[in-house]
C-alpha atoms as a PDB file:
ATOM      1  CA  MET A   1     187.485 268.255 118.920  1.00  0.00           C
ATOM      2  CA  GLY A   2     190.556 269.376 117.491  1.00  0.00           C
ATOM      3  CA  CYS A   3     194.014 268.547 116.661  1.00  0.00           C
ATOM      4  CA  GLY A   4     194.945 269.141 120.521  1.00  0.00           C
ATOM      5  CA  CYS A   5     196.680 272.362 119.792  1.00  0.00           C
ATOM      6  CA  SER A   6     195.567 275.760 121.482  1.00  0.00           C
ATOM      7  CA  ARG A   7     194.537 277.326 118.175  1.00  0.00           C
ATOM      8  CA  GLU A   8     191.020 277.361 116.763  1.00  0.00           C
ATOM      9  CA  LEU A   9     190.528 275.313 113.591  1.00  0.00           C
ATOM     10  CA  THR A  10     189.668 277.264 110.553  1.00  0.00           C
ATOM     11  CA  PRO A  11     186.465 276.431 108.797  1.00  0.00           C
ATOM     12  CA  SER A  12     187.777 274.404 106.188  1.00  0.00           C
ATOM     13  CA  GLU A  13     189.879 272.409 108.894  1.00  0.00           C
ATOM     14  CA  VAL A  14     186.519 272.132 110.529  1.00  0.00           C
ATOM     15  CA  ALA A  15     184.828 270.362 107.558  1.00  0.00           C
ATOM     16  CA  ILE A  16     187.716 268.428 106.650  1.00  0.00           C
ATOM     17  CA  GLU A  17     187.697 266.767 110.160  1.00  0.00           C
ATOM     18  CA  GLU A  18     183.806 266.717 109.878  1.00  0.00           C
ATOM     19  CA  TYR A  19     183.992 264.771 106.716  1.00  0.00           C
ATOM     20  CA  ASP A  20     186.753 262.447 107.921  1.00  0.00           C
ATOM     21  CA  ILE A  21     185.003 261.420 110.906  1.00  0.00           C
ATOM     22  CA  ALA A  22     181.522 260.952 108.736  1.00  0.00           C
ATOM     23  CA  THR A  23     183.545 258.779 106.298  1.00  0.00           C
ATOM     24  CA  LEU A  24     184.926 256.706 109.099  1.00  0.00           C
ATOM     25  CA  GLU A  25     181.486 256.261 110.777  1.00  0.00           C
ATOM     26  CA  MET A  26     179.995 255.330 107.520  1.00  0.00           C
ATOM     27  CA  SER A  27     182.711 252.722 106.510  1.00  0.00           C
ATOM     28  CA  GLN A  28     182.116 251.170 110.099  1.00  0.00           C
ATOM     29  CA  LYS A  29     178.323 251.130 109.605  1.00  0.00           C
ATOM     30  CA  LEU A  30     178.586 249.400 106.119  1.00  0.00           C
ATOM     31  CA  ASP A  31     181.116 246.606 107.861  1.00  0.00           C
ATOM     32  CA  TRP A  32     178.873 246.142 110.754  1.00  0.00           C
ATOM     33  CA  HIS A  33     175.683 245.744 108.561  1.00  0.00           C
ATOM     34  CA  HIS A  34     177.630 243.279 106.655  1.00  0.00           C
ATOM     35  CA  LEU A  35     178.712 241.187 109.532  1.00  0.00           C
ATOM     36  CA  GLN A  36     175.058 241.303 110.835  1.00  0.00           C
ATOM     37  CA  CYS A  37     173.344 240.246 107.662  1.00  0.00           C
ATOM     38  CA  GLY A  38     176.279 237.806 106.849  1.00  0.00           C
ATOM     39  CA  GLY A  39     175.528 235.808 110.174  1.00  0.00           C
ATOM     40  CA  ALA A  40     178.970 236.460 111.403  1.00  0.00           C
ATOM     41  CA  SER A  41     180.136 234.566 114.619  1.00  0.00           C
ATOM     42  CA  GLU A  42     180.068 236.371 117.840  1.00  0.00           C
ATOM     43  CA  SER A  43     183.808 236.117 117.939  1.00  0.00           C
ATOM     44  CA  ARG A  44     184.176 237.747 114.589  1.00  0.00           C
ATOM     45  CA  LYS A  45     181.808 240.540 115.730  1.00  0.00           C
ATOM     46  CA  ARG A  46     183.900 241.097 118.582  1.00  0.00           C
ATOM     47  CA  LYS A  47     187.114 241.424 116.576  1.00  0.00           C
ATOM     48  CA  ALA A  48     185.383 243.854 114.592  1.00  0.00           C
ATOM     49  CA  MET A  49     184.281 245.910 117.483  1.00  0.00           C
ATOM     50  CA  LYS A  50     188.187 245.927 118.671  1.00  0.00           C
ATOM     51  CA  GLU A  51     188.974 246.975 115.242  1.00  0.00           C
ATOM     52  CA  PHE A  52     186.529 249.707 115.343  1.00  0.00           C
ATOM     53  CA  ARG A  53     187.926 250.982 118.363  1.00  0.00           C
ATOM     54  CA  ARG A  54     191.334 250.880 117.159  1.00  0.00           C
ATOM     55  CA  ASP A  55     190.452 252.981 114.044  1.00  0.00           C
ATOM     56  CA  TRP A  56     189.008 255.622 116.196  1.00  0.00           C
ATOM     57  CA  LYS A  57     192.240 255.494 118.185  1.00  0.00           C
ATOM     58  CA  ALA A  58     194.406 256.073 115.176  1.00  0.00           C
ATOM     59  CA  PHE A  59     192.422 258.907 114.454  1.00  0.00           C
ATOM     60  CA  ASN A  60     194.496 260.777 117.314  1.00  0.00           C
ATOM     61  CA  GLY A  61     191.671 261.387 119.557  1.00  0.00           C
ATOM     62  CA  ARG A  62     189.652 263.499 117.168  1.00  0.00           C
ATOM     63  CA  ARG A  63     186.332 261.315 117.892  1.00  0.00           C
ATOM     64  CA  PRO A  64     183.468 262.707 119.147  1.00  0.00           C
ATOM     65  CA  ARG A  65     183.200 262.748 122.998  1.00  0.00           C
ATOM     66  CA  TYR A  66     181.378 260.028 124.874  1.00  0.00           C
ATOM     67  CA  PHE A  67     181.806 257.743 121.765  1.00  0.00           C
ATOM     68  CA  TRP A  68     180.342 254.048 122.328  1.00  0.00           C
ATOM     69  CA  GLY A  69     182.788 252.214 124.219  1.00  0.00           C
ATOM     70  CA  ASP A  70     184.369 255.183 126.049  1.00  0.00           C
ATOM     71  CA  SER A  71     184.309 255.158 129.855  1.00  0.00           C
ATOM     72  CA  PRO A  72     185.925 257.719 132.034  1.00  0.00           C
ATOM     73  CA  ASP A  73     188.929 256.697 134.214  1.00  0.00           C
ATOM     74  CA  GLN A  74     189.517 257.707 137.491  1.00  0.00           C
ATOM     75  CA  SER A  75     190.949 261.267 136.334  1.00  0.00           C
ATOM     76  CA  GLY A  76     187.909 261.923 134.194  1.00  0.00           C
ATOM     77  CA  ARG A  77     189.439 261.301 130.938  1.00  0.00           C
ATOM     78  CA  TYR A  78     187.752 259.176 128.422  1.00  0.00           C
ATOM     79  CA  VAL A  79     189.587 255.998 127.772  1.00  0.00           C
ATOM     80  CA  ASN A  80     188.690 252.652 126.124  1.00  0.00           C
END
């Protein structure tokens, strides 16, 4: 992971990034749990999944590699 620049992240930057990712993952888990328990329709679940992916894309590619929903394109990059 990283910001896309060539320098290594400082320990505080790494901690902030890990916290950001953990926060996003937890909010998504809570949202997903609410959808499952609330008896949401399949179309609402699909819409939520697209929103989750959009959230990660807005994260500037800082998500973990091989994250769910990722698939390699022809050049080997991981795209949704």
